[in-house]
Amino acid sequence: MRKTICIIGGTGFIGSHLGFHLANAGWRLRLPTRRPHRHRELRVHQNIDLREANVHDPDTLRELFDGVDAVINLAGILNETGGDGFDKVHVELPRRILAAMQETGVSRLLHMSALNADPAEPHSRYLRSKGEGERLVMQADDIAATAFRPSVVFGPGDSFFNRFASLLRMSPLVFPLACPEAKFAPVYVGDVVEAFEHALRHDDDIGQVHELCGPTVYSLRELVRFTAHQIGQHTLILGLPDFAARLQARLLGLLPGKPFSLDNYYSLQKDSVCSQPALPEMGIDPHSIECIVPAYLAERSPRGIYQHYRRLARRGGT
């Protein structure tokens, strides 16, 4: 019997990859979204039920969870915009999800957290709210939870390499970079979704907090240089001193969309690397940026996720 999973945040970058991966593997999915017309590509799969819904409404959550076998929460924001604050998305929404699960008798929950998430974090509201949400989930009564803490996630349609590629094209000569020595271990989105499916299939993952990282640690400067090389830009990457990085964060945080904010600056003060990488323990061999990123950065627009997973399905792998 095929199981039904409700994915909160299932129309975002990671959610779309996870949705196609699980649907191709035979899982039935419910994907709520406020704007279903923006995600028509998800409707084409027979195992995906795309529903118009406001997931912040408790009654709606109970309807979404009725009859499902598990819930996956991927909801997250990097900056506070348009009334969506960190606490609303990272703390209050998990609290509502837990309440709706308990009321509908759904016990299995997979929750997306973040590396360095800490409810006692003194500066970054992002990391503090992520820590508070993770603590709520892992301590909830009658909930069999697994949390995931990834480093920066890359893949077709990502907002990391694709965004830097766009910014580099707009600054072809000199690119001023804040926090250039911040460390990352970028993890491929295909490996992340395999980790989620592993947790759905293995009860041993219940109660665990898994750190997800790729095979190599890079500085932010190295990652931006790598991006520039892939798109053929000979740009000088100018690492900013700390005072200039803070000033850049304050100024860019005033722009629409907040391309870089003071909270982002505070988050970058802690390296996004794993102390206990979980992928090898799950039998997942993590992919490097070198074997994945060049293929989609070579195209002028990000590779369509739907087409990407159709190709993978025809090949029979991830």
C-alpha atoms as a PDB file:
ATOM      1  CA  MET A   1       0.000   0.000   0.000  1.00  0.00           C
ATOM      2  CA  ARG A   2       1.421   3.355  -1.026  1.00  0.00           C
ATOM      3  CA  LYS A   3       1.774   5.880   1.763  1.00  0.00           C
ATOM      4  CA  THR A   4       0.625   9.499   1.599  1.00  0.00           C
ATOM      5  CA  ILE A   5       2.939  12.342   2.648  1.00  0.00           C
ATOM      6  CA  CYS A   6       2.036  15.999   3.139  1.00  0.00           C
ATOM      7  CA  ILE A   7       4.957  18.316   2.372  1.00  0.00           C
ATOM      8  CA  ILE A   8       4.787  21.818   3.828  1.00  0.00           C
ATOM      9  CA  GLY A   9       7.018  23.990   1.664  1.00  0.00           C
ATOM     10  CA  GLY A  10       6.795  21.428  -1.100  1.00  0.00           C
ATOM     11  CA  THR A  11       6.768  23.962  -3.932  1.00  0.00           C
ATOM     12  CA  GLY A  12      10.118  25.547  -3.041  1.00  0.00           C
ATOM     13  CA  PHE A  13      13.546  24.577  -4.335  1.00  0.00           C
ATOM     14  CA  ILE A  14      14.167  21.575  -2.079  1.00  0.00           C
ATOM     15  CA  GLY A  15      10.478  20.719  -1.915  1.00  0.00           C
ATOM     16  CA  SER A  16      10.093  20.467  -5.685  1.00  0.00           C
ATOM     17  CA  HIS A  17      13.081  18.153  -5.947  1.00  0.00           C
ATOM     18  CA  LEU A  18      11.818  16.073  -3.025  1.00  0.00           C
ATOM     19  CA  GLY A  19       8.300  15.959  -4.435  1.00  0.00           C
ATOM     20  CA  PHE A  20       9.357  14.629  -7.835  1.00  0.00           C
ATOM     21  CA  HIS A  21      11.788  12.188  -6.227  1.00  0.00           C
ATOM     22  CA  LEU A  22       9.185  10.702  -3.872  1.00  0.00           C
ATOM     23  CA  ALA A  23       6.428  10.734  -6.492  1.00  0.00           C
ATOM     24  CA  ASN A  24       8.658   8.868  -8.945  1.00  0.00           C
ATOM     25  CA  ALA A  25       9.360   6.352  -6.169  1.00  0.00           C
ATOM     26  CA  GLY A  26       5.636   5.692  -5.743  1.00  0.00           C
ATOM     27  CA  TRP A  27       4.715   7.852  -2.748  1.00  0.00           C
ATOM     28  CA  ARG A  28       1.439   9.822  -2.833  1.00  0.00           C
ATOM     29  CA  LEU A  29       1.972  13.501  -2.024  1.00  0.00           C
ATOM     30  CA  ARG A  30      -0.118  16.460  -0.895  1.00  0.00           C
ATOM     31  CA  LEU A  31       1.558  19.772  -1.630  1.00  0.00           C
ATOM     32  CA  PRO A  32      -0.196  22.867  -0.258  1.00  0.00           C
ATOM     33  CA  THR A  33       0.513  26.264  -1.796  1.00  0.00           C
ATOM     34  CA  ARG A  34      -1.107  29.682  -1.813  1.00  0.00           C
ATOM     35  CA  ARG A  35      -0.467  30.052  -5.548  1.00  0.00           C
ATOM     36  CA  PRO A  36      -1.040  26.747  -7.384  1.00  0.00           C
ATOM     37  CA  HIS A  37      -1.024  28.499 -10.790  1.00  0.00           C
ATOM     38  CA  ARG A  38       2.709  29.140 -10.329  1.00  0.00           C
ATOM     39  CA  HIS A  39       3.477  25.435 -10.011  1.00  0.00           C
ATOM     40  CA  ARG A  40       1.630  23.825 -12.911  1.00  0.00           C
ATOM     41  CA  GLU A  41       4.587  21.517 -13.588  1.00  0.00           C
ATOM     42  CA  LEU A  42       3.778  19.709 -10.336  1.00  0.00           C
ATOM     43  CA  ARG A  43       0.258  18.860 -11.501  1.00  0.00           C
ATOM     44  CA  VAL A  44       1.482  16.620 -14.300  1.00  0.00           C
ATOM     45  CA  HIS A  45       2.563  13.838 -11.946  1.00  0.00           C
ATOM     46  CA  GLN A  46      -0.244  11.442 -11.055  1.00  0.00           C
ATOM     47  CA  ASN A  47       1.091  10.976  -7.510  1.00  0.00           C
ATOM     48  CA  ILE A  48       1.134  14.707  -6.673  1.00  0.00           C
ATOM     49  CA  ASP A  49      -1.979  16.405  -5.289  1.00  0.00           C
ATOM     50  CA  LEU A  50      -1.344  20.176  -5.453  1.00  0.00           C
ATOM     51  CA  ARG A  51      -3.776  22.017  -3.190  1.00  0.00           C
ATOM     52  CA  GLU A  52      -4.462  25.713  -2.716  1.00  0.00           C
ATOM     53  CA  ALA A  53      -4.071  26.302   1.018  1.00  0.00           C
ATOM     54  CA  ASN A  54      -2.836  28.671   3.708  1.00  0.00           C
ATOM     55  CA  VAL A  55      -0.675  26.476   5.924  1.00  0.00           C
ATOM     56  CA  HIS A  56      -0.697  29.032   8.742  1.00  0.00           C
ATOM     57  CA  ASP A  57      -4.408  28.311   9.307  1.00  0.00           C
ATOM     58  CA  PRO A  58      -4.953  25.543  11.916  1.00  0.00           C
ATOM     59  CA  ASP A  59      -8.195  24.298  10.323  1.00  0.00           C
ATOM     60  CA  THR A  60      -6.477  24.007   6.949  1.00  0.00           C
ATOM     61  CA  LEU A  61      -3.613  22.032   8.467  1.00  0.00           C
ATOM     62  CA  ARG A  62      -6.026  19.555  10.011  1.00  0.00           C
ATOM     63  CA  GLU A  63      -7.698  19.057   6.617  1.00  0.00           C
ATOM     64  CA  LEU A  64      -4.320  18.580   4.932  1.00  0.00           C
ATOM     65  CA  PHE A  65      -3.179  16.001   7.492  1.00  0.00           C
ATOM     66  CA  ASP A  66      -6.387  13.963   7.457  1.00  0.00           C
ATOM     67  CA  GLY A  67      -5.476  10.479   6.256  1.00  0.00           C
ATOM     68  CA  VAL A  68      -1.752  11.075   5.686  1.00  0.00           C
ATOM     69  CA  ASP A  69       0.997   8.799   7.001  1.00  0.00           C
ATOM     70  CA  ALA A  70       3.670  11.445   7.577  1.00  0.00           C
ATOM     71  CA  VAL A  71       4.348  15.172   7.376  1.00  0.00           C
ATOM     72  CA  ILE A  72       7.478  16.863   6.033  1.00  0.00           C
ATOM     73  CA  ASN A  73       8.107  20.484   7.004  1.00  0.00           C
ATOM     74  CA  LEU A  74      10.481  22.328   4.678  1.00  0.00           C
ATOM     75  CA  ALA A  75       9.144  25.833   5.304  1.00  0.00           C
ATOM     76  CA  GLY A  76      11.880  28.396   5.818  1.00  0.00           C
ATOM     77  CA  ILE A  77      12.984  31.917   4.935  1.00  0.00           C
ATOM     78  CA  LEU A  78      16.440  33.530   4.880  1.00  0.00           C
ATOM     79  CA  ASN A  79      15.169  37.078   5.386  1.00  0.00           C
ATOM     80  CA  GLU A  80      12.093  38.640   6.928  1.00  0.00           C
ATOM     81  CA  THR A  81       9.920  40.230   4.233  1.00  0.00           C
ATOM     82  CA  GLY A  82       6.265  40.979   3.586  1.00  0.00           C
ATOM     83  CA  GLY A  83       4.982  40.065   7.039  1.00  0.00           C
ATOM     84  CA  ASP A  84       6.711  36.664   7.093  1.00  0.00           C
ATOM     85  CA  GLY A  85       9.023  36.931  10.069  1.00  0.00           C
ATOM     86  CA  PHE A  86      11.444  34.290  11.284  1.00  0.00           C
ATOM     87  CA  ASP A  87       9.308  33.424  14.319  1.00  0.00           C
ATOM     88  CA  LYS A  88       6.145  33.100  12.217  1.00  0.00           C
ATOM     89  CA  VAL A  89       7.720  30.630   9.781  1.00  0.00           C
ATOM     90  CA  HIS A  90      10.307  28.820  11.907  1.00  0.00           C
ATOM     91  CA  VAL A  91       8.564  28.689  15.306  1.00  0.00           C
ATOM     92  CA  GLU A  92       4.829  29.365  15.100  1.00  0.00           C
ATOM     93  CA  LEU A  93       4.278  27.254  11.980  1.00  0.00           C
ATOM     94  CA  PRO A  94       6.015  24.168  13.454  1.00  0.00           C
ATOM     95  CA  ARG A  95       3.928  24.663  16.608  1.00  0.00           C
ATOM     96  CA  ARG A  96       0.729  24.676  14.515  1.00  0.00           C
ATOM     97  CA  ILE A  97       1.929  21.672  12.518  1.00  0.00           C
ATOM     98  CA  LEU A  98       2.548  19.711  15.722  1.00  0.00           C
ATOM     99  CA  ALA A  99      -0.882  20.609  17.107  1.00  0.00           C
ATOM    100  CA  ALA A 100      -2.628  19.576  13.873  1.00  0.00           C
ATOM    101  CA  MET A 101      -0.684  16.299  13.768  1.00  0.00           C
ATOM    102  CA  GLN A 102      -1.612  15.479  17.347  1.00  0.00           C
ATOM    103  CA  GLU A 103      -5.275  16.275  16.662  1.00  0.00           C
ATOM    104  CA  THR A 104      -5.398  14.114  13.518  1.00  0.00           C
ATOM    105  CA  GLY A 105      -3.324  11.244  14.902  1.00  0.00           C
ATOM    106  CA  VAL A 106      -0.361  11.637  12.533  1.00  0.00           C
ATOM    107  CA  SER A 107       2.866  10.833  14.375  1.00  0.00           C
ATOM    108  CA  ARG A 108       5.715  10.836  11.817  1.00  0.00           C
ATOM    109  CA  LEU A 109       7.411  14.171  11.095  1.00  0.00           C
ATOM    110  CA  LEU A 110      10.509  15.094   9.100  1.00  0.00           C
ATOM    111  CA  HIS A 111      11.648  18.631   9.850  1.00  0.00           C
ATOM    112  CA  MET A 112      14.122  20.864   8.012  1.00  0.00           C
ATOM    113  CA  SER A 113      16.337  22.753  10.436  1.00  0.00           C
ATOM    114  CA  ALA A 114      19.713  24.381   9.726  1.00  0.00           C
ATOM    115  CA  LEU A 115      23.347  23.926  10.659  1.00  0.00           C
ATOM    116  CA  ASN A 116      24.178  26.057  13.723  1.00  0.00           C
ATOM    117  CA  ALA A 117      20.500  26.314  14.676  1.00  0.00           C
ATOM    118  CA  ASP A 118      20.470  27.281  18.348  1.00  0.00           C
ATOM    119  CA  PRO A 119      17.627  28.677  20.477  1.00  0.00           C
ATOM    120  CA  ALA A 120      20.291  30.514  22.531  1.00  0.00           C
ATOM    121  CA  GLU A 121      21.932  32.189  19.500  1.00  0.00           C
ATOM    122  CA  PRO A 122      22.499  35.831  20.595  1.00  0.00           C
ATOM    123  CA  HIS A 123      22.750  37.601  17.215  1.00  0.00           C
ATOM    124  CA  SER A 124      21.221  35.792  14.239  1.00  0.00           C
ATOM    125  CA  ARG A 125      17.434  35.695  14.490  1.00  0.00           C
ATOM    126  CA  TYR A 126      17.424  33.162  11.659  1.00  0.00           C
ATOM    127  CA  LEU A 127      19.567  30.665  13.562  1.00  0.00           C
ATOM    128  CA  ARG A 128      17.786  31.346  16.842  1.00  0.00           C
ATOM    129  CA  SER A 129      14.313  30.801  15.350  1.00  0.00           C
ATOM    130  CA  LYS A 130      15.480  27.671  13.535  1.00  0.00           C
ATOM    131  CA  GLY A 131      16.823  26.375  16.845  1.00  0.00           C
ATOM    132  CA  GLU A 132      13.562  27.102  18.637  1.00  0.00           C
ATOM    133  CA  GLY A 133      11.558  25.329  15.940  1.00  0.00           C
ATOM    134  CA  GLU A 134      13.837  22.296  16.023  1.00  0.00           C
ATOM    135  CA  ARG A 135      13.583  22.077  19.808  1.00  0.00           C
ATOM    136  CA  LEU A 136       9.766  22.202  19.630  1.00  0.00           C
ATOM    137  CA  VAL A 137       9.694  19.374  17.103  1.00  0.00           C
ATOM    138  CA  MET A 138      12.189  17.092  18.816  1.00  0.00           C
ATOM    139  CA  GLN A 139      10.571  17.491  22.247  1.00  0.00           C
ATOM    140  CA  ALA A 140       6.932  17.164  21.132  1.00  0.00           C
ATOM    141  CA  ASP A 141       4.780  14.492  22.765  1.00  0.00           C
ATOM    142  CA  ASP A 142       3.557  11.607  20.591  1.00  0.00           C
ATOM    143  CA  ILE A 143       5.590  12.777  17.590  1.00  0.00           C
ATOM    144  CA  ALA A 144       8.226  10.558  15.969  1.00  0.00           C
ATOM    145  CA  ALA A 145      10.457  13.295  14.578  1.00  0.00           C
ATOM    146  CA  THR A 146      13.657  13.445  12.560  1.00  0.00           C
ATOM    147  CA  ALA A 147      15.410  16.776  11.951  1.00  0.00           C
ATOM    148  CA  PHE A 148      17.860  17.657   9.195  1.00  0.00           C
ATOM    149  CA  ARG A 149      20.579  20.309   9.351  1.00  0.00           C
ATOM    150  CA  PRO A 150      22.032  20.911   5.873  1.00  0.00           C
ATOM    151  CA  SER A 151      24.830  23.173   4.797  1.00  0.00           C
ATOM    152  CA  VAL A 152      24.010  25.290   1.738  1.00  0.00           C
ATOM    153  CA  VAL A 153      22.020  23.130  -0.693  1.00  0.00           C
ATOM    154  CA  PHE A 154      22.808  23.255  -4.404  1.00  0.00           C
ATOM    155  CA  GLY A 155      21.269  21.845  -7.550  1.00  0.00           C
ATOM    156  CA  PRO A 156      19.195  22.862 -10.584  1.00  0.00           C
ATOM    157  CA  GLY A 157      17.077  25.860  -9.601  1.00  0.00           C
ATOM    158  CA  ASP A 158      19.071  26.701  -6.451  1.00  0.00           C
ATOM    159  CA  SER A 159      19.320  30.220  -5.049  1.00  0.00           C
ATOM    160  CA  PHE A 160      23.024  29.974  -4.227  1.00  0.00           C
ATOM    161  CA  PHE A 161      25.111  29.311  -7.333  1.00  0.00           C
ATOM    162  CA  ASN A 162      22.426  30.687  -9.637  1.00  0.00           C
ATOM    163  CA  ARG A 163      22.167  33.892  -7.622  1.00  0.00           C
ATOM    164  CA  PHE A 164      25.921  34.430  -7.505  1.00  0.00           C
ATOM    165  CA  ALA A 165      26.061  33.770 -11.249  1.00  0.00           C
ATOM    166  CA  SER A 166      23.495  36.511 -11.829  1.00  0.00           C
ATOM    167  CA  LEU A 167      25.289  38.940  -9.518  1.00  0.00           C
ATOM    168  CA  LEU A 168      28.634  38.239 -11.161  1.00  0.00           C
ATOM    169  CA  ARG A 169      27.170  38.979 -14.594  1.00  0.00           C
ATOM    170  CA  MET A 170      26.015  42.349 -13.263  1.00  0.00           C
ATOM    171  CA  SER A 171      29.470  43.069 -11.753  1.00  0.00           C
ATOM    172  CA  PRO A 172      31.856  41.710 -14.397  1.00  0.00           C
ATOM    173  CA  LEU A 173      34.986  43.581 -13.218  1.00  0.00           C
ATOM    174  CA  VAL A 174      35.029  43.661  -9.412  1.00  0.00           C
ATOM    175  CA  PHE A 175      32.750  41.791  -7.018  1.00  0.00           C
ATOM    176  CA  PRO A 176      32.799  43.002  -3.382  1.00  0.00           C
ATOM    177  CA  LEU A 177      32.199  39.964  -1.164  1.00  0.00           C
ATOM    178  CA  ALA A 178      31.257  40.087   2.508  1.00  0.00           C
ATOM    179  CA  CYS A 179      32.546  37.383   4.863  1.00  0.00           C
ATOM    180  CA  PRO A 180      34.804  35.834   2.187  1.00  0.00           C
ATOM    181  CA  GLU A 181      36.358  33.283   4.564  1.00  0.00           C
ATOM    182  CA  ALA A 182      33.049  31.870   5.824  1.00  0.00           C
ATOM    183  CA  LYS A 183      33.119  28.090   5.362  1.00  0.00           C
ATOM    184  CA  PHE A 184      30.546  25.857   3.674  1.00  0.00           C
ATOM    185  CA  ALA A 185      30.255  22.192   2.746  1.00  0.00           C
ATOM    186  CA  PRO A 186      27.675  22.473  -0.088  1.00  0.00           C
ATOM    187  CA  VAL A 187      25.347  19.484  -0.286  1.00  0.00           C
ATOM    188  CA  TYR A 188      23.596  18.336  -3.466  1.00  0.00           C
ATOM    189  CA  VAL A 189      19.802  18.534  -3.337  1.00  0.00           C
ATOM    190  CA  GLY A 190      19.575  14.999  -4.745  1.00  0.00           C
ATOM    191  CA  ASP A 191      21.515  13.712  -1.740  1.00  0.00           C
ATOM    192  CA  VAL A 192      19.262  15.686   0.605  1.00  0.00           C
ATOM    193  CA  VAL A 193      16.096  14.165  -0.823  1.00  0.00           C
ATOM    194  CA  GLU A 194      17.610  10.680  -0.603  1.00  0.00           C
ATOM    195  CA  ALA A 195      18.282  11.350   3.087  1.00  0.00           C
ATOM    196  CA  PHE A 196      14.631  12.310   3.584  1.00  0.00           C
ATOM    197  CA  GLU A 197      13.417   9.163   1.846  1.00  0.00           C
ATOM    198  CA  HIS A 198      15.837   7.102   3.941  1.00  0.00           C
ATOM    199  CA  ALA A 199      14.262   8.553   7.086  1.00  0.00           C
ATOM    200  CA  LEU A 200      10.764   7.745   5.819  1.00  0.00           C
ATOM    201  CA  ARG A 201      11.782   4.120   5.292  1.00  0.00           C
ATOM    202  CA  HIS A 202      13.890   3.541   8.446  1.00  0.00           C
ATOM    203  CA  ASP A 203      12.552   3.842  11.989  1.00  0.00           C
ATOM    204  CA  ASP A 204      16.130   4.036  13.291  1.00  0.00           C
ATOM    205  CA  ASP A 205      16.143   7.676  12.146  1.00  0.00           C
ATOM    206  CA  ILE A 206      13.374   8.624  14.579  1.00  0.00           C
ATOM    207  CA  GLY A 207      14.695  10.975  17.259  1.00  0.00           C
ATOM    208  CA  GLN A 208      17.823  11.787  15.252  1.00  0.00           C
ATOM    209  CA  VAL A 209      19.159  15.178  14.128  1.00  0.00           C
ATOM    210  CA  HIS A 210      21.085  14.589  10.900  1.00  0.00           C
ATOM    211  CA  GLU A 211      23.775  16.970   9.634  1.00  0.00           C
ATOM    212  CA  LEU A 212      23.934  16.988   5.827  1.00  0.00           C
ATOM    213  CA  CYS A 213      27.109  18.112   4.059  1.00  0.00           C
ATOM    214  CA  GLY A 214      28.890  17.571   0.784  1.00  0.00           C
ATOM    215  CA  PRO A 215      32.329  15.973   0.522  1.00  0.00           C
ATOM    216  CA  THR A 216      34.408  19.179   0.515  1.00  0.00           C
ATOM    217  CA  VAL A 217      34.661  22.353   2.613  1.00  0.00           C
ATOM    218  CA  TYR A 218      35.145  25.649   0.756  1.00  0.00           C
ATOM    219  CA  SER A 219      35.387  29.282   1.711  1.00  0.00           C
ATOM    220  CA  LEU A 220      32.730  31.595   0.318  1.00  0.00           C
ATOM    221  CA  ARG A 221      35.453  33.253  -1.743  1.00  0.00           C
ATOM    222  CA  GLU A 222      36.336  29.893  -3.323  1.00  0.00           C
ATOM    223  CA  LEU A 223      32.697  29.178  -4.137  1.00  0.00           C
ATOM    224  CA  VAL A 224      32.202  32.558  -5.805  1.00  0.00           C
ATOM    225  CA  ARG A 225      35.431  32.112  -7.797  1.00  0.00           C
ATOM    226  CA  PHE A 226      34.232  28.674  -8.867  1.00  0.00           C
ATOM    227  CA  THR A 227      30.941  30.213 -10.012  1.00  0.00           C
ATOM    228  CA  ALA A 228      32.728  32.940 -11.964  1.00  0.00           C
ATOM    229  CA  HIS A 229      34.883  30.338 -13.706  1.00  0.00           C
ATOM    230  CA  GLN A 230      31.862  28.252 -14.692  1.00  0.00           C
ATOM    231  CA  ILE A 231      30.125  31.179 -16.382  1.00  0.00           C
ATOM    232  CA  GLY A 232      33.295  32.468 -18.022  1.00  0.00           C
ATOM    233  CA  GLN A 233      33.648  35.634 -15.930  1.00  0.00           C
ATOM    234  CA  HIS A 234      37.144  36.938 -15.117  1.00  0.00           C
ATOM    235  CA  THR A 235      35.937  38.911 -12.127  1.00  0.00           C
ATOM    236  CA  LEU A 236      38.136  40.136  -9.280  1.00  0.00           C
ATOM    237  CA  ILE A 237      36.611  38.823  -6.049  1.00  0.00           C
ATOM    238  CA  LEU A 238      37.293  41.572  -3.508  1.00  0.00           C
ATOM    239  CA  GLY A 239      36.940  40.278   0.049  1.00  0.00           C
ATOM    240  CA  LEU A 240      35.565  42.995   2.313  1.00  0.00           C
ATOM    241  CA  PRO A 241      36.980  43.665   5.784  1.00  0.00           C
ATOM    242  CA  ASP A 242      34.576  43.161   8.642  1.00  0.00           C
ATOM    243  CA  PHE A 243      33.501  46.796   9.027  1.00  0.00           C
ATOM    244  CA  ALA A 244      32.753  47.048   5.285  1.00  0.00           C
ATOM    245  CA  ALA A 245      30.860  43.753   5.341  1.00  0.00           C
ATOM    246  CA  ARG A 246      28.620  45.041   8.134  1.00  0.00           C
ATOM    247  CA  LEU A 247      28.038  48.273   6.240  1.00  0.00           C
ATOM    248  CA  GLN A 248      27.179  46.362   3.067  1.00  0.00           C
ATOM    249  CA  ALA A 249      24.728  44.229   5.045  1.00  0.00           C
ATOM    250  CA  ARG A 250      23.006  47.292   6.510  1.00  0.00           C
ATOM    251  CA  LEU A 251      22.688  48.977   3.095  1.00  0.00           C
ATOM    252  CA  LEU A 252      21.609  45.931   1.071  1.00  0.00           C
ATOM    253  CA  GLY A 253      19.175  44.992   3.826  1.00  0.00           C
ATOM    254  CA  LEU A 254      17.210  48.148   2.962  1.00  0.00           C
ATOM    255  CA  LEU A 255      16.674  47.078  -0.656  1.00  0.00           C
ATOM    256  CA  PRO A 256      13.601  45.160  -1.847  1.00  0.00           C
ATOM    257  CA  GLY A 257      14.164  41.445  -1.404  1.00  0.00           C
ATOM    258  CA  LYS A 258      17.110  42.059   0.950  1.00  0.00           C
ATOM    259  CA  PRO A 259      19.885  40.508  -1.179  1.00  0.00           C
ATOM    260  CA  PHE A 260      22.114  40.585   1.934  1.00  0.00           C
ATOM    261  CA  SER A 261      21.091  41.575   5.444  1.00  0.00           C
ATOM    262  CA  LEU A 262      22.659  42.105   8.834  1.00  0.00           C
ATOM    263  CA  ASP A 263      21.090  38.843   9.972  1.00  0.00           C
ATOM    264  CA  ASN A 264      22.755  37.086   7.023  1.00  0.00           C
ATOM    265  CA  TYR A 265      26.042  38.635   8.163  1.00  0.00           C
ATOM    266  CA  TYR A 266      25.566  37.252  11.672  1.00  0.00           C
ATOM    267  CA  SER A 267      24.716  33.793  10.305  1.00  0.00           C
ATOM    268  CA  LEU A 268      27.947  33.803   8.286  1.00  0.00           C
ATOM    269  CA  GLN A 269      30.005  34.284  11.436  1.00  0.00           C
ATOM    270  CA  LYS A 270      29.597  30.545  12.056  1.00  0.00           C
ATOM    271  CA  ASP A 271      30.951  28.052   9.541  1.00  0.00           C
ATOM    272  CA  SER A 272      28.270  25.933   7.883  1.00  0.00           C
ATOM    273  CA  VAL A 273      30.102  22.609   8.126  1.00  0.00           C
ATOM    274  CA  CYS A 274      29.188  19.256   9.668  1.00  0.00           C
ATOM    275  CA  SER A 275      30.725  17.867  12.823  1.00  0.00           C
ATOM    276  CA  GLN A 276      29.029  14.484  12.250  1.00  0.00           C
ATOM    277  CA  PRO A 277      28.084  14.067   8.558  1.00  0.00           C
ATOM    278  CA  ALA A 278      25.065  11.780   8.258  1.00  0.00           C
ATOM    279  CA  LEU A 279      25.007  10.970   4.541  1.00  0.00           C
ATOM    280  CA  PRO A 280      27.740   8.296   4.598  1.00  0.00           C
ATOM    281  CA  GLU A 281      26.022   6.598   7.543  1.00  0.00           C
ATOM    282  CA  MET A 282      22.874   6.369   5.411  1.00  0.00           C
ATOM    283  CA  GLY A 283      24.812   4.771   2.571  1.00  0.00           C
ATOM    284  CA  ILE A 284      24.615   7.937   0.468  1.00  0.00           C
ATOM    285  CA  ASP A 285      27.795   8.950  -1.354  1.00  0.00           C
ATOM    286  CA  PRO A 286      27.637  12.778  -1.441  1.00  0.00           C
ATOM    287  CA  HIS A 287      28.106  14.508  -4.789  1.00  0.00           C
ATOM    288  CA  SER A 288      30.628  17.290  -5.274  1.00  0.00           C
ATOM    289  CA  ILE A 289      29.859  20.690  -6.747  1.00  0.00           C
ATOM    290  CA  GLU A 290      32.328  19.943  -9.531  1.00  0.00           C
ATOM    291  CA  CYS A 291      30.260  17.070 -10.907  1.00  0.00           C
ATOM    292  CA  ILE A 292      26.855  18.783 -10.690  1.00  0.00           C
ATOM    293  CA  VAL A 293      27.055  22.585 -10.869  1.00  0.00           C
ATOM    294  CA  PRO A 294      28.780  23.074 -14.266  1.00  0.00           C
ATOM    295  CA  ALA A 295      25.895  21.363 -16.091  1.00  0.00           C
ATOM    296  CA  TYR A 296      23.222  23.801 -14.938  1.00  0.00           C
ATOM    297  CA  LEU A 297      25.337  26.961 -14.763  1.00  0.00           C
ATOM    298  CA  ALA A 298      26.354  26.410 -18.376  1.00  0.00           C
ATOM    299  CA  GLU A 299      22.758  27.153 -19.316  1.00  0.00           C
ATOM    300  CA  ARG A 300      21.602  30.756 -19.282  1.00  0.00           C
ATOM    301  CA  SER A 301      18.599  29.859 -17.150  1.00  0.00           C
ATOM    302  CA  PRO A 302      18.422  27.209 -14.384  1.00  0.00           C
ATOM    303  CA  ARG A 303      17.574  23.729 -15.596  1.00  0.00           C
ATOM    304  CA  GLY A 304      13.894  22.948 -15.093  1.00  0.00           C
ATOM    305  CA  ILE A 305      13.410  20.718 -12.083  1.00  0.00           C
ATOM    306  CA  TYR A 306      10.585  18.841 -13.760  1.00  0.00           C
ATOM    307  CA  GLN A 307      12.681  18.010 -16.819  1.00  0.00           C
ATOM    308  CA  HIS A 308      15.631  17.151 -14.553  1.00  0.00           C
ATOM    309  CA  TYR A 309      13.625  14.540 -12.658  1.00  0.00           C
ATOM    310  CA  ARG A 310      11.972  13.165 -15.772  1.00  0.00           C
ATOM    311  CA  ARG A 311      15.449  12.434 -17.125  1.00  0.00           C
ATOM    312  CA  LEU A 312      16.469  10.842 -13.831  1.00  0.00           C
ATOM    313  CA  ALA A 313      13.316   8.728 -13.773  1.00  0.00           C
ATOM    314  CA  ARG A 314      14.047   7.441 -17.277  1.00  0.00           C
ATOM    315  CA  ARG A 315      17.579   6.542 -16.161  1.00  0.00           C
ATOM    316  CA  GLY A 316      16.211   4.938 -13.001  1.00  0.00           C
ATOM    317  CA  GLY A 317      18.332   6.861 -10.477  1.00  0.00           C
ATOM    318  CA  THR A 318      19.063  10.130  -8.629  1.00  0.00           C
END
